[in-house]
Amino acid sequence: MVKKIVIFGSTGMTGLCAVEAAVKKGLEVRAFVRTPSKLPANLKDKVEIFQGNVLEPDSVNDAIEDVDAVVIALGTNNQLEPTSDLSEGTKNIIEAMRAKGVKILSVCLSAYLLYEPDKVPPRFVDLNEDHKRMYQVVKDSGLNYVAVFPPHIADEPSREVIVEVNPTKSPGGRRAISKYDLGAFLVNSLSEPKYYKSVIGITNAPKA
């Protein structure tokens, strides 16, 4: 039974929506943040704020104490240059989960992982390489992971969602997912064993 979760990347666009969705669902939420002031005032008294850095194993380890599940919504603040921060941070989180016996994890990755390498837009290639490493760490973890591969994350209201388990190819056409629907799925899927150890393709249904 998932009652208490920690969300890594709590102040990013998707992470913030995951925090809101978890609070609304009545879960106990620990928000792992580098900069507590970035958490909106209306959420500060509804969550446990934990200041840390995913690249520091000790702070990650402490953050995973006494939780039932973990959400990873790490981002790069729109920085697209080569990085290993996402995969290194994920590695630290998974090692801490193993040490603490926490087995349930949802992680936000990218639909570009479903593309043929030559079809990934050049400006996203470097970031996609780290997403690949991140996914490999998750896949090799042995945990009950839900690896979510969203297309463009849109700052749009919630609407009907299409979920595909273990998609074999990238979504065609202009696809997008509302940040609110993505955040909610990252939280809700933690309690859905049918999604464990799977890749999830998620998009909003086309507008009527």
N, C-alpha and C. Protein backbone atom coordinates (compact mmCIF):
# COMPACT_ATOMS: atom_id res chain seq x y z
N MET A 1 0.85 -1.20 0.00
CA MET A 1 0.00 0.00 0.00
C MET A 1 0.89 1.25 0.00
N VAL A 2 0.73 2.09 -1.00
CA VAL A 2 1.54 3.30 -1.10
C VAL A 2 0.84 4.44 -0.34
N LYS A 3 1.48 4.87 0.74
CA LYS A 3 0.91 5.97 1.53
C LYS A 3 1.84 7.18 1.59
N LYS A 4 3.16 6.89 1.58
CA LYS A 4 4.12 7.98 1.72
C LYS A 4 5.14 7.88 0.59
N ILE A 5 5.35 9.00 -0.12
CA ILE A 5 6.28 8.98 -1.26
C ILE A 5 7.26 10.14 -1.17
N VAL A 6 8.38 9.98 -1.85
CA VAL A 6 9.31 11.09 -2.03
C VAL A 6 9.38 11.39 -3.52
N ILE A 7 9.35 12.68 -3.85
CA ILE A 7 9.39 13.11 -5.25
C ILE A 7 10.68 13.87 -5.49
N PHE A 8 11.51 13.32 -6.38
CA PHE A 8 12.76 13.98 -6.76
C PHE A 8 12.50 14.85 -7.99
N GLY A 9 12.94 16.11 -7.93
CA GLY A 9 12.63 17.04 -9.02
C GLY A 9 11.31 17.74 -8.76
N SER A 10 11.03 17.99 -7.48
CA SER A 10 9.71 18.50 -7.07
C SER A 10 9.36 19.91 -7.55
N THR A 11 10.37 20.69 -7.95
CA THR A 11 10.04 22.06 -8.35
C THR A 11 10.08 22.25 -9.86
N GLY A 12 10.34 21.17 -10.61
CA GLY A 12 10.30 21.27 -12.07
C GLY A 12 8.85 21.28 -12.55
N MET A 13 8.66 21.49 -13.84
CA MET A 13 7.31 21.59 -14.39
C MET A 13 6.48 20.33 -14.10
N THR A 14 7.05 19.18 -14.37
CA THR A 14 6.32 17.92 -14.15
C THR A 14 6.30 17.56 -12.67
N GLY A 15 7.43 17.75 -12.00
CA GLY A 15 7.54 17.39 -10.59
C GLY A 15 6.54 18.12 -9.72
N LEU A 16 6.36 19.40 -10.02
CA LEU A 16 5.40 20.21 -9.26
C LEU A 16 3.98 19.67 -9.42
N CYS A 17 3.66 19.25 -10.65
CA CYS A 17 2.33 18.68 -10.90
C CYS A 17 2.18 17.34 -10.19
N ALA A 18 3.28 16.58 -10.08
CA ALA A 18 3.25 15.31 -9.34
C ALA A 18 3.01 15.59 -7.85
N VAL A 19 3.67 16.61 -7.32
CA VAL A 19 3.46 16.98 -5.91
C VAL A 19 1.99 17.34 -5.68
N GLU A 20 1.44 18.17 -6.56
CA GLU A 20 0.03 18.59 -6.42
C GLU A 20 -0.90 17.39 -6.48
N ALA A 21 -0.63 16.48 -7.43
CA ALA A 21 -1.49 15.29 -7.60
C ALA A 21 -1.41 14.40 -6.37
N ALA A 22 -0.22 14.25 -5.80
CA ALA A 22 -0.04 13.38 -4.63
C ALA A 22 -0.74 13.96 -3.40
N VAL A 23 -0.64 15.27 -3.25
CA VAL A 23 -1.31 15.95 -2.12
C VAL A 23 -2.82 15.77 -2.26
N LYS A 24 -3.31 15.98 -3.47
CA LYS A 24 -4.75 15.86 -3.73
C LYS A 24 -5.24 14.44 -3.47
N LYS A 25 -4.37 13.47 -3.73
CA LYS A 25 -4.72 12.05 -3.53
C LYS A 25 -4.69 11.67 -2.04
N GLY A 26 -4.15 12.56 -1.21
CA GLY A 26 -4.11 12.29 0.22
C GLY A 26 -2.87 11.53 0.68
N LEU A 27 -1.84 11.50 -0.18
CA LEU A 27 -0.60 10.83 0.21
C LEU A 27 0.25 11.75 1.09
N GLU A 28 1.10 11.14 1.88
CA GLU A 28 2.13 11.93 2.58
C GLU A 28 3.24 12.16 1.57
N VAL A 29 3.64 13.41 1.40
CA VAL A 29 4.59 13.74 0.35
C VAL A 29 5.84 14.39 0.93
N ARG A 30 6.99 13.82 0.56
CA ARG A 30 8.28 14.45 0.87
C ARG A 30 8.79 15.04 -0.45
N ALA A 31 8.97 16.34 -0.48
CA ALA A 31 9.44 17.01 -1.70
C ALA A 31 10.94 17.24 -1.59
N PHE A 32 11.69 16.55 -2.43
CA PHE A 32 13.15 16.67 -2.43
C PHE A 32 13.51 17.83 -3.36
N VAL A 33 14.13 18.85 -2.82
CA VAL A 33 14.40 20.06 -3.61
C VAL A 33 15.81 20.57 -3.31
N ARG A 34 16.39 21.21 -4.31
CA ARG A 34 17.67 21.89 -4.06
C ARG A 34 17.41 23.27 -3.48
N THR A 35 16.31 23.90 -3.97
CA THR A 35 16.02 25.28 -3.56
C THR A 35 14.59 25.35 -3.01
N PRO A 36 14.42 25.24 -1.69
CA PRO A 36 13.07 25.20 -1.10
C PRO A 36 12.20 26.40 -1.48
N SER A 37 12.80 27.55 -1.73
CA SER A 37 12.01 28.75 -2.05
C SER A 37 11.26 28.60 -3.37
N LYS A 38 11.67 27.61 -4.21
CA LYS A 38 10.97 27.42 -5.49
C LYS A 38 9.64 26.69 -5.33
N LEU A 39 9.40 26.13 -4.15
CA LEU A 39 8.13 25.43 -3.93
C LEU A 39 7.05 26.46 -3.66
N PRO A 40 5.93 26.43 -4.40
CA PRO A 40 4.88 27.45 -4.21
C PRO A 40 4.35 27.47 -2.78
N ALA A 41 3.99 28.67 -2.35
CA ALA A 41 3.53 28.88 -0.97
C ALA A 41 2.36 27.96 -0.60
N ASN A 42 1.45 27.72 -1.57
CA ASN A 42 0.25 26.93 -1.25
C ASN A 42 0.56 25.45 -1.00
N LEU A 43 1.79 25.01 -1.33
CA LEU A 43 2.15 23.60 -1.10
C LEU A 43 3.05 23.43 0.12
N LYS A 44 3.69 24.50 0.54
CA LYS A 44 4.73 24.38 1.57
C LYS A 44 4.24 23.74 2.87
N ASP A 45 3.01 24.05 3.27
CA ASP A 45 2.54 23.48 4.54
C ASP A 45 1.85 22.13 4.34
N LYS A 46 1.81 21.65 3.08
CA LYS A 46 1.13 20.37 2.81
C LYS A 46 2.12 19.24 2.56
N VAL A 47 3.40 19.58 2.47
CA VAL A 47 4.41 18.55 2.19
C VAL A 47 5.56 18.68 3.19
N GLU A 48 6.36 17.62 3.25
CA GLU A 48 7.60 17.69 4.03
C GLU A 48 8.70 18.12 3.05
N ILE A 49 9.30 19.26 3.31
CA ILE A 49 10.34 19.76 2.41
C ILE A 49 11.69 19.18 2.83
N PHE A 50 12.37 18.57 1.87
CA PHE A 50 13.67 17.96 2.15
C PHE A 50 14.68 18.58 1.19
N GLN A 51 15.61 19.34 1.74
CA GLN A 51 16.60 19.99 0.88
C GLN A 51 17.78 19.06 0.65
N GLY A 52 18.16 18.89 -0.62
CA GLY A 52 19.28 18.02 -0.93
C GLY A 52 19.64 18.12 -2.40
N ASN A 53 20.56 17.28 -2.81
CA ASN A 53 21.03 17.25 -4.19
C ASN A 53 21.16 15.79 -4.60
N VAL A 54 20.58 15.41 -5.73
CA VAL A 54 20.60 13.99 -6.13
C VAL A 54 22.01 13.49 -6.40
N LEU A 55 22.97 14.39 -6.59
CA LEU A 55 24.34 13.97 -6.83
C LEU A 55 25.10 13.71 -5.53
N GLU A 56 24.42 13.93 -4.40
CA GLU A 56 25.03 13.66 -3.08
C GLU A 56 24.34 12.44 -2.46
N PRO A 57 24.98 11.28 -2.53
CA PRO A 57 24.32 10.03 -2.07
C PRO A 57 23.77 10.11 -0.65
N ASP A 58 24.46 10.81 0.25
CA ASP A 58 23.99 10.85 1.64
C ASP A 58 22.63 11.52 1.75
N SER A 59 22.44 12.64 1.04
CA SER A 59 21.15 13.33 1.16
C SER A 59 20.04 12.51 0.50
N VAL A 60 20.38 11.81 -0.58
CA VAL A 60 19.39 10.94 -1.24
C VAL A 60 18.99 9.81 -0.29
N ASN A 61 19.99 9.23 0.35
CA ASN A 61 19.76 8.12 1.28
C ASN A 61 18.80 8.54 2.41
N ASP A 62 19.06 9.72 2.97
CA ASP A 62 18.20 10.21 4.06
C ASP A 62 16.78 10.47 3.58
N ALA A 63 16.65 10.93 2.33
CA ALA A 63 15.32 11.27 1.79
C ALA A 63 14.44 10.04 1.57
N ILE A 64 15.08 8.88 1.41
CA ILE A 64 14.31 7.66 1.12
C ILE A 64 13.93 6.91 2.40
N GLU A 65 14.36 7.43 3.53
CA GLU A 65 13.99 6.83 4.82
C GLU A 65 12.48 6.80 4.99
N ASP A 66 11.92 5.65 5.33
CA ASP A 66 10.51 5.43 5.66
C ASP A 66 9.48 5.91 4.62
N VAL A 67 9.80 5.74 3.33
CA VAL A 67 8.78 5.98 2.30
C VAL A 67 8.40 4.65 1.65
N ASP A 68 7.25 4.63 0.99
CA ASP A 68 6.77 3.41 0.33
C ASP A 68 7.14 3.38 -1.15
N ALA A 69 7.35 4.56 -1.74
CA ALA A 69 7.60 4.62 -3.18
C ALA A 69 8.28 5.93 -3.54
N VAL A 70 8.82 5.97 -4.75
CA VAL A 70 9.63 7.09 -5.20
C VAL A 70 9.16 7.55 -6.58
N VAL A 71 9.12 8.87 -6.79
CA VAL A 71 8.89 9.45 -8.13
C VAL A 71 10.16 10.20 -8.53
N ILE A 72 10.67 9.90 -9.73
CA ILE A 72 11.82 10.65 -10.26
C ILE A 72 11.33 11.51 -11.42
N ALA A 73 11.37 12.81 -11.22
CA ALA A 73 10.97 13.76 -12.27
C ALA A 73 12.10 14.78 -12.46
N LEU A 74 13.31 14.25 -12.63
CA LEU A 74 14.48 15.12 -12.76
C LEU A 74 14.51 15.77 -14.13
N GLY A 75 14.99 17.00 -14.17
CA GLY A 75 15.12 17.71 -15.45
C GLY A 75 16.39 18.51 -15.47
N THR A 76 16.59 19.26 -16.55
CA THR A 76 17.83 20.04 -16.70
C THR A 76 17.53 21.53 -16.86
N ASN A 77 16.29 21.94 -16.49
CA ASN A 77 15.92 23.35 -16.68
C ASN A 77 16.14 23.82 -18.11
N ASN A 78 15.76 22.96 -19.05
CA ASN A 78 15.88 23.28 -20.48
C ASN A 78 17.32 23.40 -20.98
N GLN A 79 18.30 22.97 -20.18
CA GLN A 79 19.69 22.93 -20.66
C GLN A 79 19.84 21.66 -21.51
N LEU A 80 20.42 21.80 -22.70
CA LEU A 80 20.49 20.66 -23.61
C LEU A 80 21.91 20.16 -23.85
N GLU A 81 22.91 20.77 -23.18
CA GLU A 81 24.28 20.31 -23.42
C GLU A 81 24.52 18.95 -22.75
N PRO A 82 25.62 18.27 -23.13
CA PRO A 82 25.88 16.95 -22.58
C PRO A 82 25.89 16.97 -21.05
N THR A 83 25.31 15.94 -20.46
CA THR A 83 25.25 15.84 -18.99
C THR A 83 25.20 14.38 -18.59
N SER A 84 25.60 14.10 -17.37
CA SER A 84 25.36 12.76 -16.82
C SER A 84 24.63 12.91 -15.48
N ASP A 85 24.17 14.14 -15.18
CA ASP A 85 23.54 14.39 -13.88
C ASP A 85 22.28 13.55 -13.66
N LEU A 86 21.47 13.40 -14.72
CA LEU A 86 20.21 12.67 -14.55
C LEU A 86 20.48 11.20 -14.25
N SER A 87 21.39 10.60 -15.01
CA SER A 87 21.66 9.17 -14.80
C SER A 87 22.42 8.94 -13.50
N GLU A 88 23.34 9.84 -13.15
CA GLU A 88 24.07 9.70 -11.88
C GLU A 88 23.11 9.85 -10.70
N GLY A 89 22.24 10.85 -10.79
CA GLY A 89 21.25 11.05 -9.73
C GLY A 89 20.35 9.85 -9.58
N THR A 90 19.91 9.30 -10.71
CA THR A 90 19.04 8.12 -10.70
C THR A 90 19.75 6.93 -10.06
N LYS A 91 21.03 6.78 -10.39
CA LYS A 91 21.83 5.70 -9.80
C LYS A 91 21.85 5.83 -8.27
N ASN A 92 22.07 7.04 -7.79
CA ASN A 92 22.10 7.27 -6.34
C ASN A 92 20.75 6.95 -5.70
N ILE A 93 19.67 7.34 -6.38
CA ILE A 93 18.32 7.08 -5.85
C ILE A 93 18.07 5.57 -5.77
N ILE A 94 18.42 4.86 -6.83
CA ILE A 94 18.15 3.42 -6.86
C ILE A 94 19.01 2.67 -5.83
N GLU A 95 20.25 3.10 -5.66
CA GLU A 95 21.09 2.46 -4.64
C GLU A 95 20.50 2.68 -3.24
N ALA A 96 20.00 3.89 -3.00
CA ALA A 96 19.38 4.19 -1.70
C ALA A 96 18.10 3.38 -1.52
N MET A 97 17.31 3.23 -2.59
CA MET A 97 16.09 2.43 -2.51
C MET A 97 16.41 1.00 -2.13
N ARG A 98 17.45 0.44 -2.76
CA ARG A 98 17.85 -0.93 -2.44
C ARG A 98 18.26 -1.03 -0.97
N ALA A 99 19.04 -0.05 -0.54
CA ALA A 99 19.53 -0.08 0.86
C ALA A 99 18.39 0.01 1.86
N LYS A 100 17.32 0.73 1.48
CA LYS A 100 16.20 0.94 2.42
C LYS A 100 15.04 -0.03 2.18
N GLY A 101 15.18 -0.90 1.17
CA GLY A 101 14.11 -1.87 0.90
C GLY A 101 12.86 -1.26 0.28
N VAL A 102 13.03 -0.14 -0.44
CA VAL A 102 11.89 0.49 -1.14
C VAL A 102 11.89 -0.03 -2.58
N LYS A 103 10.74 -0.56 -3.02
CA LYS A 103 10.75 -1.29 -4.29
C LYS A 103 9.96 -0.65 -5.42
N ILE A 104 9.18 0.40 -5.14
CA ILE A 104 8.27 0.94 -6.16
C ILE A 104 8.77 2.30 -6.61
N LEU A 105 8.81 2.48 -7.94
CA LEU A 105 9.44 3.66 -8.52
C LEU A 105 8.74 4.04 -9.82
N SER A 106 8.43 5.32 -9.99
CA SER A 106 8.03 5.80 -11.32
C SER A 106 9.06 6.85 -11.74
N VAL A 107 9.35 6.87 -13.03
CA VAL A 107 10.40 7.77 -13.52
C VAL A 107 9.98 8.39 -14.85
N CYS A 108 10.19 9.69 -14.97
CA CYS A 108 9.85 10.42 -16.18
C CYS A 108 11.07 10.45 -17.09
N LEU A 109 10.94 9.87 -18.28
CA LEU A 109 12.03 9.84 -19.26
C LEU A 109 11.62 10.63 -20.51
N SER A 110 11.67 10.03 -21.69
CA SER A 110 11.34 10.78 -22.90
C SER A 110 10.94 9.84 -24.03
N ALA A 111 9.95 10.27 -24.82
CA ALA A 111 9.53 9.47 -25.98
C ALA A 111 10.65 9.36 -27.02
N TYR A 112 11.64 10.24 -26.95
CA TYR A 112 12.76 10.13 -27.90
C TYR A 112 13.51 8.80 -27.74
N LEU A 113 13.34 8.14 -26.60
CA LEU A 113 13.98 6.84 -26.41
C LEU A 113 13.37 5.78 -27.33
N LEU A 114 12.20 6.07 -27.89
CA LEU A 114 11.54 5.13 -28.80
C LEU A 114 11.90 5.41 -30.26
N TYR A 115 12.60 6.52 -30.50
CA TYR A 115 12.93 6.91 -31.88
C TYR A 115 14.16 6.15 -32.38
N GLU A 116 14.23 5.97 -33.70
CA GLU A 116 15.49 5.55 -34.31
C GLU A 116 16.50 6.66 -34.03
N PRO A 117 17.77 6.30 -33.74
CA PRO A 117 18.75 7.34 -33.38
C PRO A 117 18.82 8.51 -34.36
N ASP A 118 18.71 8.22 -35.66
CA ASP A 118 18.83 9.32 -36.63
C ASP A 118 17.58 10.19 -36.73
N LYS A 119 16.52 9.78 -36.02
CA LYS A 119 15.27 10.57 -36.05
C LYS A 119 15.16 11.51 -34.84
N VAL A 120 16.07 11.38 -33.88
CA VAL A 120 16.05 12.26 -32.70
C VAL A 120 16.54 13.64 -33.15
N PRO A 121 15.75 14.71 -32.90
CA PRO A 121 16.21 16.05 -33.31
C PRO A 121 17.61 16.33 -32.75
N PRO A 122 18.51 16.86 -33.59
CA PRO A 122 19.91 17.04 -33.17
C PRO A 122 20.07 17.74 -31.83
N ARG A 123 19.24 18.74 -31.54
CA ARG A 123 19.45 19.49 -30.30
C ARG A 123 19.14 18.66 -29.05
N PHE A 124 18.40 17.54 -29.23
CA PHE A 124 18.05 16.70 -28.07
C PHE A 124 18.94 15.47 -27.94
N VAL A 125 19.89 15.30 -28.85
CA VAL A 125 20.69 14.07 -28.86
C VAL A 125 21.48 13.89 -27.56
N ASP A 126 22.14 14.94 -27.09
CA ASP A 126 22.96 14.81 -25.88
C ASP A 126 22.12 14.46 -24.66
N LEU A 127 21.00 15.17 -24.50
CA LEU A 127 20.11 14.89 -23.37
C LEU A 127 19.55 13.47 -23.47
N ASN A 128 19.22 13.06 -24.70
CA ASN A 128 18.67 11.73 -24.91
C ASN A 128 19.68 10.64 -24.52
N GLU A 129 20.96 10.91 -24.73
CA GLU A 129 21.99 9.94 -24.33
C GLU A 129 21.94 9.71 -22.82
N ASP A 130 21.74 10.80 -22.05
CA ASP A 130 21.67 10.62 -20.60
C ASP A 130 20.36 9.95 -20.19
N HIS A 131 19.27 10.25 -20.92
CA HIS A 131 18.02 9.53 -20.66
C HIS A 131 18.20 8.03 -20.92
N LYS A 132 18.99 7.69 -21.96
CA LYS A 132 19.26 6.27 -22.24
C LYS A 132 19.96 5.61 -21.05
N ARG A 133 20.98 6.31 -20.55
CA ARG A 133 21.72 5.76 -19.39
C ARG A 133 20.80 5.65 -18.18
N MET A 134 19.96 6.64 -18.02
CA MET A 134 19.00 6.67 -16.90
C MET A 134 18.06 5.46 -16.99
N TYR A 135 17.53 5.23 -18.19
CA TYR A 135 16.60 4.11 -18.38
C TYR A 135 17.31 2.78 -18.13
N GLN A 136 18.56 2.66 -18.57
CA GLN A 136 19.31 1.42 -18.36
C GLN A 136 19.44 1.11 -16.86
N VAL A 137 19.76 2.15 -16.10
CA VAL A 137 19.91 1.99 -14.63
C VAL A 137 18.58 1.52 -14.03
N VAL A 138 17.49 2.13 -14.49
CA VAL A 138 16.16 1.77 -13.97
C VAL A 138 15.81 0.33 -14.35
N LYS A 139 16.05 -0.01 -15.63
CA LYS A 139 15.71 -1.34 -16.12
C LYS A 139 16.51 -2.44 -15.41
N ASP A 140 17.77 -2.13 -15.10
CA ASP A 140 18.63 -3.12 -14.44
C ASP A 140 18.42 -3.19 -12.93
N SER A 141 17.54 -2.34 -12.41
CA SER A 141 17.44 -2.18 -10.95
C SER A 141 16.78 -3.36 -10.24
N GLY A 142 15.93 -4.12 -10.98
CA GLY A 142 15.18 -5.20 -10.32
C GLY A 142 14.00 -4.69 -9.51
N LEU A 143 13.79 -3.37 -9.52
CA LEU A 143 12.69 -2.78 -8.75
C LEU A 143 11.39 -2.83 -9.55
N ASN A 144 10.29 -2.54 -8.89
CA ASN A 144 8.99 -2.42 -9.58
C ASN A 144 8.91 -1.01 -10.15
N TYR A 145 9.53 -0.83 -11.30
CA TYR A 145 9.60 0.51 -11.90
C TYR A 145 8.49 0.72 -12.93
N VAL A 146 8.10 1.98 -13.10
CA VAL A 146 7.20 2.39 -14.18
C VAL A 146 7.98 3.46 -14.94
N ALA A 147 8.45 3.13 -16.15
CA ALA A 147 9.28 4.05 -16.93
C ALA A 147 8.39 4.78 -17.93
N VAL A 148 8.13 6.05 -17.67
CA VAL A 148 7.18 6.81 -18.48
C VAL A 148 7.94 7.59 -19.56
N PHE A 149 7.55 7.37 -20.82
CA PHE A 149 8.22 8.00 -21.97
C PHE A 149 7.27 9.03 -22.59
N PRO A 150 7.17 10.24 -22.02
CA PRO A 150 6.22 11.21 -22.57
C PRO A 150 6.75 11.89 -23.83
N PRO A 151 5.84 12.34 -24.70
CA PRO A 151 6.23 13.20 -25.81
C PRO A 151 6.39 14.63 -25.28
N HIS A 152 6.13 15.63 -26.09
CA HIS A 152 6.22 17.02 -25.64
C HIS A 152 5.34 17.23 -24.41
N ILE A 153 5.92 17.81 -23.35
CA ILE A 153 5.15 18.08 -22.13
C ILE A 153 4.58 19.49 -22.22
N ALA A 154 3.26 19.57 -22.26
CA ALA A 154 2.60 20.84 -22.57
C ALA A 154 2.03 21.51 -21.31
N ASP A 155 2.13 22.82 -21.29
CA ASP A 155 1.54 23.60 -20.19
C ASP A 155 0.07 23.84 -20.55
N GLU A 156 -0.70 22.76 -20.54
CA GLU A 156 -2.10 22.81 -20.96
C GLU A 156 -2.96 22.13 -19.91
N PRO A 157 -4.26 22.46 -19.88
CA PRO A 157 -5.14 21.81 -18.89
C PRO A 157 -5.22 20.30 -19.11
N SER A 158 -5.59 19.60 -18.06
CA SER A 158 -5.78 18.16 -18.10
C SER A 158 -6.91 17.80 -19.06
N ARG A 159 -6.75 16.69 -19.80
CA ARG A 159 -7.86 16.15 -20.59
C ARG A 159 -7.65 14.66 -20.80
N GLU A 160 -8.44 14.06 -21.66
CA GLU A 160 -8.39 12.60 -21.80
C GLU A 160 -6.98 12.12 -22.15
N VAL A 161 -6.59 11.00 -21.52
CA VAL A 161 -5.23 10.47 -21.68
C VAL A 161 -5.28 9.10 -22.35
N ILE A 162 -4.32 8.86 -23.24
CA ILE A 162 -4.15 7.53 -23.84
C ILE A 162 -2.85 6.94 -23.29
N VAL A 163 -2.96 5.74 -22.72
CA VAL A 163 -1.79 5.07 -22.13
C VAL A 163 -1.50 3.80 -22.93
N GLU A 164 -0.25 3.63 -23.34
CA GLU A 164 0.14 2.41 -24.05
C GLU A 164 1.27 1.74 -23.27
N VAL A 165 1.08 0.47 -22.95
CA VAL A 165 2.09 -0.27 -22.19
C VAL A 165 3.07 -0.93 -23.17
N ASN A 166 4.36 -0.70 -22.93
CA ASN A 166 5.44 -1.24 -23.77
C ASN A 166 5.23 -0.94 -25.26
N PRO A 167 5.11 0.35 -25.61
CA PRO A 167 4.96 0.70 -27.03
C PRO A 167 6.21 0.29 -27.80
N THR A 168 6.01 -0.09 -29.06
CA THR A 168 7.17 -0.54 -29.85
C THR A 168 7.72 0.58 -30.72
N LYS A 169 6.92 1.61 -30.92
CA LYS A 169 7.45 2.71 -31.73
C LYS A 169 7.01 4.05 -31.16
N SER A 170 7.64 5.09 -31.66
CA SER A 170 7.34 6.42 -31.16
C SER A 170 5.96 6.86 -31.63
N PRO A 171 5.29 7.74 -30.85
CA PRO A 171 3.98 8.22 -31.27
C PRO A 171 4.12 9.06 -32.53
N GLY A 172 3.28 8.79 -33.52
CA GLY A 172 3.36 9.57 -34.77
C GLY A 172 2.64 10.91 -34.61
N GLY A 173 2.91 11.82 -35.52
CA GLY A 173 2.20 13.11 -35.51
C GLY A 173 2.60 13.99 -34.34
N ARG A 174 1.93 15.13 -34.22
CA ARG A 174 2.26 16.01 -33.10
C ARG A 174 1.54 15.52 -31.86
N ARG A 175 2.27 14.92 -30.98
CA ARG A 175 1.67 14.42 -29.76
C ARG A 175 2.20 15.23 -28.59
N ALA A 176 1.38 15.33 -27.58
CA ALA A 176 1.78 16.05 -26.37
C ALA A 176 1.01 15.48 -25.19
N ILE A 177 1.53 15.74 -24.00
CA ILE A 177 0.83 15.36 -22.77
C ILE A 177 0.80 16.57 -21.85
N SER A 178 -0.35 16.84 -21.28
CA SER A 178 -0.46 17.93 -20.31
C SER A 178 0.44 17.62 -19.11
N LYS A 179 1.14 18.64 -18.62
CA LYS A 179 2.01 18.43 -17.45
C LYS A 179 1.20 17.93 -16.26
N TYR A 180 -0.08 18.32 -16.18
CA TYR A 180 -0.93 17.88 -15.06
C TYR A 180 -1.23 16.40 -15.17
N ASP A 181 -1.52 15.93 -16.39
CA ASP A 181 -1.82 14.51 -16.58
C ASP A 181 -0.58 13.65 -16.38
N LEU A 182 0.57 14.15 -16.82
CA LEU A 182 1.82 13.41 -16.63
C LEU A 182 2.17 13.32 -15.14
N GLY A 183 2.08 14.42 -14.44
CA GLY A 183 2.36 14.43 -13.00
C GLY A 183 1.45 13.47 -12.25
N ALA A 184 0.16 13.48 -12.60
CA ALA A 184 -0.80 12.60 -11.93
C ALA A 184 -0.50 11.13 -12.24
N PHE A 185 -0.11 10.84 -13.49
CA PHE A 185 0.18 9.44 -13.84
C PHE A 185 1.40 8.93 -13.08
N LEU A 186 2.42 9.76 -12.95
CA LEU A 186 3.62 9.34 -12.21
C LEU A 186 3.27 8.94 -10.78
N VAL A 187 2.29 9.62 -10.20
CA VAL A 187 1.86 9.30 -8.83
C VAL A 187 0.91 8.10 -8.81
N ASN A 188 -0.11 8.14 -9.65
CA ASN A 188 -1.14 7.08 -9.62
C ASN A 188 -0.59 5.71 -10.01
N SER A 189 0.39 5.69 -10.92
CA SER A 189 0.92 4.41 -11.41
C SER A 189 1.68 3.65 -10.32
N LEU A 190 2.09 4.34 -9.26
CA LEU A 190 2.80 3.67 -8.17
C LEU A 190 1.93 2.60 -7.51
N SER A 191 0.62 2.81 -7.57
CA SER A 191 -0.33 1.87 -6.95
C SER A 191 -0.97 0.94 -7.98
N GLU A 192 -0.38 0.84 -9.17
CA GLU A 192 -0.94 0.03 -10.26
C GLU A 192 0.07 -1.04 -10.69
N PRO A 193 0.06 -2.20 -10.02
CA PRO A 193 1.02 -3.25 -10.37
C PRO A 193 1.03 -3.64 -11.85
N LYS A 194 -0.10 -3.41 -12.56
CA LYS A 194 -0.13 -3.78 -13.99
C LYS A 194 0.89 -2.98 -14.80
N TYR A 195 1.37 -1.86 -14.24
CA TYR A 195 2.34 -1.04 -14.96
C TYR A 195 3.79 -1.33 -14.55
N TYR A 196 3.98 -2.16 -13.52
CA TYR A 196 5.34 -2.38 -13.02
C TYR A 196 6.22 -3.07 -14.07
N LYS A 197 7.50 -2.70 -14.05
CA LYS A 197 8.51 -3.26 -14.97
C LYS A 197 8.11 -3.05 -16.43
N SER A 198 7.48 -1.91 -16.70
CA SER A 198 7.03 -1.61 -18.07
C SER A 198 7.46 -0.22 -18.49
N VAL A 199 7.52 -0.05 -19.81
CA VAL A 199 7.63 1.28 -20.41
C VAL A 199 6.22 1.76 -20.72
N ILE A 200 5.94 3.01 -20.42
CA ILE A 200 4.61 3.57 -20.65
C ILE A 200 4.70 4.71 -21.66
N GLY A 201 3.95 4.57 -22.76
CA GLY A 201 3.77 5.68 -23.69
C GLY A 201 2.49 6.40 -23.26
N ILE A 202 2.55 7.71 -23.15
CA ILE A 202 1.38 8.45 -22.67
C ILE A 202 1.20 9.72 -23.48
N THR A 203 -0.01 9.93 -23.98
CA THR A 203 -0.32 11.17 -24.70
C THR A 203 -1.74 11.59 -24.36
N ASN A 204 -2.06 12.84 -24.61
CA ASN A 204 -3.46 13.26 -24.55
C ASN A 204 -4.15 12.84 -25.84
N ALA A 205 -5.42 12.49 -25.72
CA ALA A 205 -6.22 12.18 -26.91
C ALA A 205 -6.29 13.42 -27.79
N PRO A 206 -6.40 13.24 -29.11
CA PRO A 206 -6.51 14.41 -29.98
C PRO A 206 -7.72 15.26 -29.58
N LYS A 207 -7.58 16.56 -29.72
CA LYS A 207 -8.70 17.44 -29.38
C LYS A 207 -9.81 17.22 -30.40
N ALA A 208 -11.04 17.21 -29.89
CA ALA A 208 -12.18 16.98 -30.78
C ALA A 208 -12.34 18.16 -31.71
